[in-house]
Protein backbone atom coordinates (compact mmCIF):
# COMPACT_ATOMS: atom_id res chain seq x y z
CA MET A 1 2.18 -24.28 -7.17
CA THR A 2 -0.38 -22.48 -5.07
CA ALA A 3 -0.39 -23.84 -1.54
CA PRO A 4 -3.65 -25.52 -0.49
CA GLY A 5 -6.19 -23.64 1.54
CA ARG A 6 -8.72 -20.88 1.25
CA LEU A 7 -7.48 -17.57 -0.09
CA ALA A 8 -8.73 -14.47 1.69
CA ARG A 9 -10.58 -11.80 -0.22
CA ALA A 10 -8.98 -8.51 -0.98
CA ARG A 11 -11.57 -5.76 -0.65
CA PRO A 12 -13.67 -5.95 -3.82
CA ASP A 13 -14.08 -2.19 -4.13
CA ASP A 14 -10.33 -1.70 -4.16
CA ILE A 15 -9.40 -4.28 -6.79
CA ASP A 16 -10.11 -5.14 -10.37
CA VAL A 17 -9.14 -8.71 -11.21
CA PRO A 18 -9.16 -9.88 -14.82
CA CYS A 19 -10.86 -13.27 -15.20
CA GLY A 20 -8.87 -16.38 -15.85
CA ARG A 21 -5.50 -15.33 -14.40
CA SER A 22 -3.82 -17.56 -11.85
CA LEU A 23 -2.37 -16.40 -8.57
CA PRO A 24 1.37 -16.02 -8.18
CA SER A 25 3.12 -18.96 -6.57
CA GLN A 26 3.90 -19.36 -2.86
CA ARG A 27 0.64 -18.89 -1.04
CA VAL A 28 -0.22 -19.52 2.58
CA THR A 29 -2.55 -22.18 3.99
CA ASP A 30 -5.28 -21.59 6.53
CA GLN A 31 -2.85 -22.37 9.34
CA SER A 32 -0.60 -19.40 9.97
CA PRO A 33 3.10 -20.27 10.30
CA GLN A 34 4.46 -19.68 13.76
CA ASN A 35 7.62 -17.90 12.53
CA THR A 36 8.97 -17.92 16.06
CA THR A 37 12.03 -20.03 15.40
CA PRO A 38 15.37 -18.33 14.67
CA THR A 39 15.86 -17.17 11.09
CA ASN A 40 19.19 -18.07 9.50
CA LEU A 41 19.89 -14.90 7.54
CA ASP A 42 23.08 -16.43 6.11
CA ASP A 43 21.26 -19.31 4.42
CA ALA A 44 20.74 -18.36 0.77
CA SER A 45 18.12 -21.11 0.38
CA SER A 46 15.80 -19.55 2.96
CA ARG A 47 15.94 -15.79 2.46
CA PRO A 48 12.79 -14.53 4.20
CA ILE A 49 10.75 -11.65 2.86
CA ILE A 50 11.16 -8.90 5.43
CA LEU A 51 7.94 -6.89 5.53
CA LEU A 52 8.78 -3.49 6.99
CA LEU A 53 5.52 -1.84 7.98
CA GLY A 54 4.57 1.42 9.62
CA PRO A 55 2.26 4.39 9.24
CA THR A 56 3.03 7.27 6.93
CA ALA A 57 5.99 9.43 8.08
CA SER A 58 7.24 6.69 10.43
CA GLY A 59 10.75 6.43 8.95
CA LYS A 60 10.36 3.26 6.89
CA THR A 61 12.56 4.45 4.03
CA ALA A 62 15.56 5.23 6.24
CA LEU A 63 15.24 1.93 8.11
CA SER A 64 14.82 -0.11 4.92
CA ILE A 65 18.08 1.31 3.56
CA GLU A 66 19.90 0.51 6.81
CA LEU A 67 18.54 -3.04 6.70
CA ALA A 68 19.63 -3.41 3.07
CA ARG A 69 23.14 -2.41 4.10
CA ALA A 70 23.35 -4.38 7.35
CA LEU A 71 21.73 -7.72 6.49
CA PRO A 72 24.14 -10.56 5.72
CA HIS A 73 24.73 -10.53 1.93
CA GLY A 74 22.71 -7.32 1.63
CA GLY A 75 19.14 -6.54 0.74
CA GLU A 76 17.03 -4.78 -1.87
CA CYS A 77 13.92 -2.71 -1.22
CA VAL A 78 10.53 -3.31 -2.87
CA LEU A 79 7.98 -0.53 -2.40
CA ALA A 80 4.48 -1.62 -1.37
CA ASP A 81 2.76 1.74 -1.77
CA SER A 82 -0.12 2.33 -4.18
CA MET A 83 0.92 5.92 -4.92
CA GLN A 84 4.70 5.62 -4.95
CA VAL A 85 4.33 3.50 -8.07
CA TYR A 86 3.54 6.60 -10.15
CA ARG A 87 6.23 8.31 -12.21
CA GLY A 88 6.74 12.01 -11.51
CA MET A 89 4.88 11.97 -8.18
CA SER A 90 8.02 11.90 -6.09
CA ILE A 91 7.49 14.77 -3.62
CA GLY A 92 3.88 14.22 -2.59
CA THR A 93 4.17 10.45 -2.23
CA ALA A 94 7.53 10.65 -0.41
CA GLN A 95 9.30 8.42 -2.91
CA PRO A 96 12.91 7.72 -1.96
CA SER A 97 15.20 10.59 -2.96
CA ARG A 98 17.97 10.23 -5.52
CA SER A 99 20.54 9.73 -2.78
CA GLU A 100 18.34 7.10 -1.09
CA LEU A 101 17.87 5.27 -4.37
CA ASP A 102 21.63 5.29 -4.82
CA ALA A 103 22.16 3.99 -1.27
CA ALA A 104 20.24 0.74 -1.85
CA PRO A 105 18.55 -0.95 -4.82
CA HIS A 106 14.82 -0.15 -5.03
CA HIS A 107 12.03 -1.76 -7.01
CA LEU A 108 8.46 -0.70 -7.95
CA CYS A 109 9.19 2.99 -7.55
CA GLY A 110 7.88 5.48 -10.12
CA PHE A 111 7.29 2.93 -12.90
CA VAL A 112 3.60 3.56 -13.70
CA ASP A 113 2.29 6.38 -15.92
CA PRO A 114 0.23 8.66 -13.62
CA ARG A 115 -2.18 9.26 -16.49
CA SER A 116 -3.16 5.57 -16.39
CA LEU A 117 -6.77 4.93 -15.49
CA GLU A 118 -6.03 1.76 -13.50
CA PHE A 119 -3.23 0.09 -11.61
CA THR A 120 -4.64 -2.85 -9.67
CA VAL A 121 -3.59 -4.89 -6.67
CA ARG A 122 -3.03 -7.76 -9.08
CA ASP A 123 -0.67 -5.61 -11.17
CA TRP A 124 1.37 -4.75 -8.10
CA LEU A 125 1.38 -8.29 -6.72
CA ASP A 126 2.64 -9.78 -9.98
CA ALA A 127 5.40 -7.16 -10.18
CA ALA A 128 6.32 -7.66 -6.51
CA GLU A 129 6.58 -11.44 -6.83
CA GLU A 130 8.83 -11.02 -9.86
CA ALA A 131 11.05 -8.56 -7.99
CA ILE A 132 11.25 -10.84 -4.94
CA GLY A 133 12.29 -13.77 -7.12
CA GLY A 134 15.04 -11.73 -8.78
CA ILE A 135 16.39 -10.49 -5.44
CA ARG A 136 16.55 -14.02 -4.08
CA ASP A 137 18.25 -15.22 -7.26
CA ARG A 138 20.96 -12.64 -6.54
CA GLY A 139 21.38 -14.09 -3.04
CA ARG A 140 20.04 -10.99 -1.31
CA HIS A 141 17.16 -10.26 1.06
CA PRO A 142 13.88 -8.81 -0.26
CA ILE A 143 12.69 -5.96 1.98
CA LEU A 144 9.05 -5.02 1.31
CA VAL A 145 8.40 -1.46 2.45
CA GLY A 146 4.72 -0.73 3.15
CA GLY A 147 2.81 1.24 2.66
CA THR A 148 -0.56 0.21 1.40
CA ASN A 149 -2.23 -2.28 3.71
CA LEU A 150 -4.15 -3.97 0.91
CA TYR A 151 -0.88 -4.68 -0.92
CA ILE A 152 0.62 -6.23 2.21
CA ARG A 153 -2.40 -8.40 2.83
CA ALA A 154 -2.45 -9.51 -0.81
CA LEU A 155 1.21 -10.53 -0.53
CA LEU A 156 0.48 -12.53 2.63
CA GLU A 157 -2.79 -14.14 1.58
CA GLY A 158 -3.36 -13.76 -2.15
CA VAL A 159 -6.07 -11.98 -4.15
CA PHE A 160 -9.66 -13.10 -4.43
CA GLU A 161 -10.43 -14.30 -7.97
CA GLY A 162 -13.51 -12.34 -8.83
CA PRO A 163 -15.80 -10.90 -9.70
CA GLY A 164 -14.01 -9.93 -12.89
CA ARG A 165 -14.38 -6.71 -14.83
CA ASN A 166 -17.63 -6.03 -16.61
CA ASP A 167 -16.35 -3.86 -19.44
CA ALA A 168 -19.79 -3.35 -20.97
CA LEU A 169 -21.16 -2.02 -17.69
CA ARG A 170 -18.10 0.16 -17.16
CA GLU A 171 -18.52 1.67 -20.59
CA GLU A 172 -22.19 2.29 -19.88
CA LEU A 173 -21.38 4.05 -16.58
CA ALA A 174 -18.28 5.92 -17.73
CA ASP A 175 -20.11 9.15 -18.54
CA VAL A 176 -22.72 8.95 -15.80
CA PRO A 177 -22.12 11.69 -13.21
CA ALA A 178 -20.79 10.41 -9.91
CA ALA A 179 -23.75 11.88 -8.02
CA ASP A 180 -26.15 9.83 -10.15
CA LEU A 181 -24.08 6.69 -9.58
CA HIS A 182 -24.23 7.38 -5.87
CA ASP A 183 -28.04 7.61 -6.03
CA ARG A 184 -28.16 4.24 -7.81
CA LEU A 185 -25.89 2.68 -5.20
CA VAL A 186 -28.13 3.92 -2.38
CA LEU A 187 -30.91 1.74 -3.81
CA VAL A 188 -28.91 -1.52 -4.03
CA ASP A 189 -26.26 -1.10 -1.34
CA PRO A 190 -27.00 1.77 1.06
CA GLU A 191 -24.20 0.77 3.42
CA SER A 192 -21.55 1.10 0.71
CA ALA A 193 -23.18 4.31 -0.50
CA ALA A 194 -22.78 5.77 3.00
CA ARG A 195 -19.07 4.89 2.99
CA ILE A 196 -18.02 5.81 -0.57
CA HIS A 197 -17.72 9.53 -1.33
CA ARG A 198 -20.31 10.91 -3.77
CA ASN A 199 -17.53 12.12 -6.08
CA ASP A 200 -15.48 8.90 -6.09
CA HIS A 201 -16.53 7.76 -9.57
CA ARG A 202 -14.16 4.78 -9.76
CA ARG A 203 -15.26 3.13 -6.52
CA LEU A 204 -18.93 3.88 -7.15
CA VAL A 205 -18.66 2.10 -10.50
CA ARG A 206 -16.86 -0.82 -8.87
CA ALA A 207 -19.50 -1.16 -6.15
CA LEU A 208 -22.29 -1.18 -8.75
CA GLU A 209 -20.28 -3.64 -10.86
CA VAL A 210 -19.84 -6.04 -7.93
CA HIS A 211 -23.56 -5.98 -7.22
CA ALA A 212 -24.47 -6.41 -10.89
CA SER A 213 -22.04 -9.34 -11.28
CA THR A 214 -22.86 -11.22 -8.08
CA GLY A 215 -26.25 -9.99 -6.91
CA VAL A 216 -24.65 -9.50 -3.49
CA PRO A 217 -23.99 -5.99 -2.16
CA LEU A 218 -20.36 -5.05 -1.77
CA SER A 219 -20.90 -4.22 1.92
CA ILE A 220 -22.05 -7.79 2.63
CA GLN A 221 -19.05 -9.24 0.81
CA GLN A 222 -16.75 -7.04 2.86
CA LYS A 223 -18.25 -8.34 6.10
CA GLU A 224 -17.21 -11.81 5.03
CA TRP A 225 -13.60 -10.63 4.90
CA ALA A 226 -12.22 -11.61 8.32
CA ASP A 227 -10.25 -9.18 10.43
CA THR A 228 -7.68 -11.83 11.35
CA VAL A 229 -4.57 -11.68 9.14
CA ARG A 230 -2.74 -14.88 8.38
CA GLY A 231 0.98 -15.03 7.85
CA ARG A 232 3.05 -16.44 5.01
CA PRO A 233 5.69 -19.13 5.57
CA ASP A 234 8.52 -17.16 3.95
CA ALA A 235 7.75 -13.72 5.44
CA ARG A 236 8.66 -11.95 8.67
CA LEU A 237 6.98 -8.71 9.75
CA VAL A 238 8.85 -5.77 11.28
CA ILE A 239 6.51 -3.02 12.48
CA LEU A 240 7.34 0.56 13.47
CA ASP A 241 5.10 1.67 16.33
CA TRP A 242 5.00 5.43 17.01
CA PRO A 243 3.00 7.21 19.71
CA VAL A 244 0.10 9.05 18.06
CA GLU A 245 1.11 12.56 19.12
CA ALA A 246 4.71 12.11 18.01
CA LEU A 247 3.62 10.66 14.66
CA ASN A 248 1.21 13.55 14.05
CA ARG A 249 4.03 16.02 14.65
CA ARG A 250 6.13 14.18 12.08
CA ILE A 251 3.22 14.21 9.61
CA ASN A 252 2.73 17.97 9.98
CA ALA A 253 6.45 18.57 9.52
CA ARG A 254 6.55 16.33 6.45
CA VAL A 255 3.65 18.15 4.76
CA LYS A 256 5.36 21.50 5.38
CA ALA A 257 8.63 20.13 3.95
CA MET A 258 6.85 18.78 0.86
CA LEU A 259 5.38 22.18 0.07
CA GLU A 260 8.75 23.84 0.59
CA SER A 261 10.34 21.25 -1.71
CA GLY A 262 8.04 22.13 -4.61
CA LEU A 263 4.86 20.05 -4.34
CA VAL A 264 2.78 22.76 -6.03
CA GLU A 265 5.23 22.93 -8.93
CA GLU A 266 5.26 19.14 -9.19
CA VAL A 267 1.47 18.97 -9.49
CA ARG A 268 1.41 21.85 -11.98
CA GLY A 269 4.00 20.05 -14.11
CA LEU A 270 1.98 16.83 -14.04
CA GLN A 271 -1.08 18.79 -15.19
CA GLU A 272 0.86 20.27 -18.07
CA ASP A 273 2.10 16.80 -19.02
CA GLY A 274 -1.39 15.43 -19.52
CA GLY A 275 -2.86 15.40 -16.04
CA LEU A 276 -3.45 12.60 -13.57
CA GLY A 277 -5.60 9.52 -13.97
CA THR A 278 -8.54 8.93 -11.67
CA GLN A 279 -6.49 6.81 -9.26
CA ALA A 280 -3.37 8.98 -9.16
CA GLN A 281 -5.27 12.20 -8.51
CA GLU A 282 -6.71 10.68 -5.32
CA ALA A 283 -3.24 10.57 -3.74
CA VAL A 284 -3.05 12.52 -0.51
CA GLY A 285 -1.79 16.00 -1.32
CA TYR A 286 -2.44 15.92 -5.05
CA ARG A 287 -6.21 16.33 -4.89
CA GLU A 288 -5.78 19.25 -2.49
CA ILE A 289 -3.16 20.99 -4.65
CA LEU A 290 -5.29 20.43 -7.74
CA ASN A 291 -8.14 22.20 -5.94
CA HIS A 292 -5.77 25.06 -5.08
CA LEU A 293 -4.56 25.38 -8.68
CA ALA A 294 -8.18 25.43 -9.84
CA GLY A 295 -8.85 28.37 -7.51
CA ARG A 296 -11.13 26.42 -5.20
CA CYS A 297 -9.03 27.02 -2.07
CA SER A 298 -5.99 28.95 -0.86
CA LEU A 299 -2.62 27.30 -0.51
CA ALA A 300 -2.88 27.60 3.28
CA ASP A 301 -6.24 25.82 3.21
CA ALA A 302 -4.81 23.13 0.95
CA GLU A 303 -1.90 22.60 3.33
CA GLU A 304 -4.24 22.20 6.29
CA GLN A 305 -6.44 19.75 4.39
CA ILE A 306 -3.38 17.68 3.44
CA LYS A 307 -2.33 17.51 7.10
CA ILE A 308 -5.81 16.47 8.21
CA ARG A 309 -6.17 13.84 5.49
CA THR A 310 -2.68 12.46 6.16
CA ARG A 311 -3.38 12.15 9.88
CA ARG A 312 -6.61 10.29 9.10
CA TYR A 313 -4.70 7.99 6.78
CA GLY A 314 -2.15 7.38 9.52
CA LYS A 315 -4.97 6.44 11.90
CA GLN A 316 -6.34 3.96 9.38
CA GLN A 317 -2.87 2.46 8.94
CA ARG A 318 -2.44 2.07 12.70
CA THR A 319 -5.68 0.08 12.85
CA TRP A 320 -4.30 -2.32 10.27
CA LEU A 321 -0.91 -2.47 11.94
CA ARG A 322 -2.57 -3.80 15.09
CA ARG A 323 -3.90 -6.66 12.97
CA PHE A 324 -0.54 -7.28 11.34
CA SER A 325 1.09 -7.23 14.79
CA ALA A 326 -0.95 -10.31 15.70
CA VAL A 327 0.76 -12.41 13.00
CA PRO A 328 2.99 -14.90 14.85
CA GLY A 329 6.63 -13.82 14.87
CA ALA A 330 5.91 -10.15 14.09
CA ILE A 331 8.58 -7.82 15.49
CA ARG A 332 7.45 -4.50 16.97
CA LEU A 333 9.98 -1.66 17.15
CA GLU A 334 9.55 1.60 19.06
CA PRO A 335 11.47 4.16 16.96
CA GLU A 336 11.00 7.33 19.02
CA GLY A 337 14.40 8.67 20.06
CA ARG A 338 16.33 6.07 18.04
CA ASP A 339 18.14 6.33 14.71
CA ALA A 340 17.74 3.99 11.75
CA ALA A 341 21.04 2.20 12.32
CA ASP A 342 20.07 1.28 15.88
CA LEU A 343 16.66 0.07 14.76
CA ALA A 344 18.22 -2.04 12.00
CA ARG A 345 20.58 -3.75 14.46
CA ASP A 346 17.67 -4.46 16.77
CA ALA A 347 15.52 -5.86 13.96
CA ILE A 348 18.28 -8.16 12.70
CA ARG A 349 19.04 -9.40 16.21
CA ARG A 350 15.38 -10.24 16.79
CA LEU A 351 15.01 -11.87 13.38
CA GLN A 352 17.90 -14.17 14.26
CA ASN A 353 16.85 -14.75 17.87
CA PRO A 354 13.10 -14.35 18.37
CA ALA A 355 12.09 -13.76 22.00
C-alpha cells in the first residue's frame, strides 16, 4: 500500500506518465525518516536500499562492486542511470564492463532498445522496484547506483500522477519543426522556452502538452517542486564527494579513454543498426559523435565538446548531491586518494554505526 502523505512532483518536462497507473508500493510520508540509528545489515527482514550517489566519473561502479562483495550476505547492483539502460551504448555511457558485470550481479543495464522513442521515469521506477524486491527475496542487499538525479528522487518520493499523455496533440506536433514549436512555447511559457533548447523537439512537445493539458505553464509547475528532498524509510544514502578540479581531471581522462576504446565505432554501428531514438541520441558523447560522423565537426572538436558537456553535467549533479546530502542519515565519503575497498569498509562501518 502507498504510504500516506503528499507525493512530490517529478519534473513534468522530464516524464511522461500514462493515466490510471498506480504508484509502486513503499512510499515515504511527509516526515522524513531520521535514519540515524544503527542499521543491522545481518537482518534479512530489514535489508535497506543502499543508494550510492556521485557525479559522473566519481568511481561509483568500482565502489558498488566492492559493496556487493563486502556486505553481509552480499549485494546486487541496480543501475539508476537514464542512458545506461540502452543496449549497445556501453562505451559512451560507461556501462559496467564484462568483467565488472561478472564480479557482481547487475540489473537495469543495457535492456532498452536505443531506437525506442521513449523510456520514462515510470518505466525505470517500476523496473527498479521489481529488481529491489527480487534482490531482497534472495536475502541480499539492493545497491542503487546513480546516476540520474530524477530517478533517485522518484525512488525516494514517488512520481507525480499527471498530466498524462495527450496522444492527439503529440501526433499533431510530431512533424512540426522544433524551431516552430519553440516559437509557440515563447508565447505561452517564455521561461521554459528560454531554458529548453530550440532543437530539443521532445521536451518542447512536452512543455506545450503540459500547458495544453493543465492551462498552467510548465515553469510555474516546476517552481512548485520544492528543493528539499525527503528520505525513504528503507533507504540509506552514500554519497561520493570529489573536489571539483580533481573530478574534472577524471572526466577529461574518461572522455579520452572512451574515444580510444572505440566510441566512434560504437556510434557508427548503432547508426547502421537503425539509429538512435530521440532520447538516446541526447546522451552525452553520442550527439557530438553523430555530428562528427555527419561532417559537422572534427573529431577533436567533438572530443572537446564532450568534455565540456560532461563537466557541465557533473556540475548539475553536484548541485543535486548537496540536496541529497541533507537527507537525514546520508553518508558522505571523500574518495580522493582512497581505493574502492577502503571506501566500502568505511561505508559499511558508518551504515552500522552512524555518527
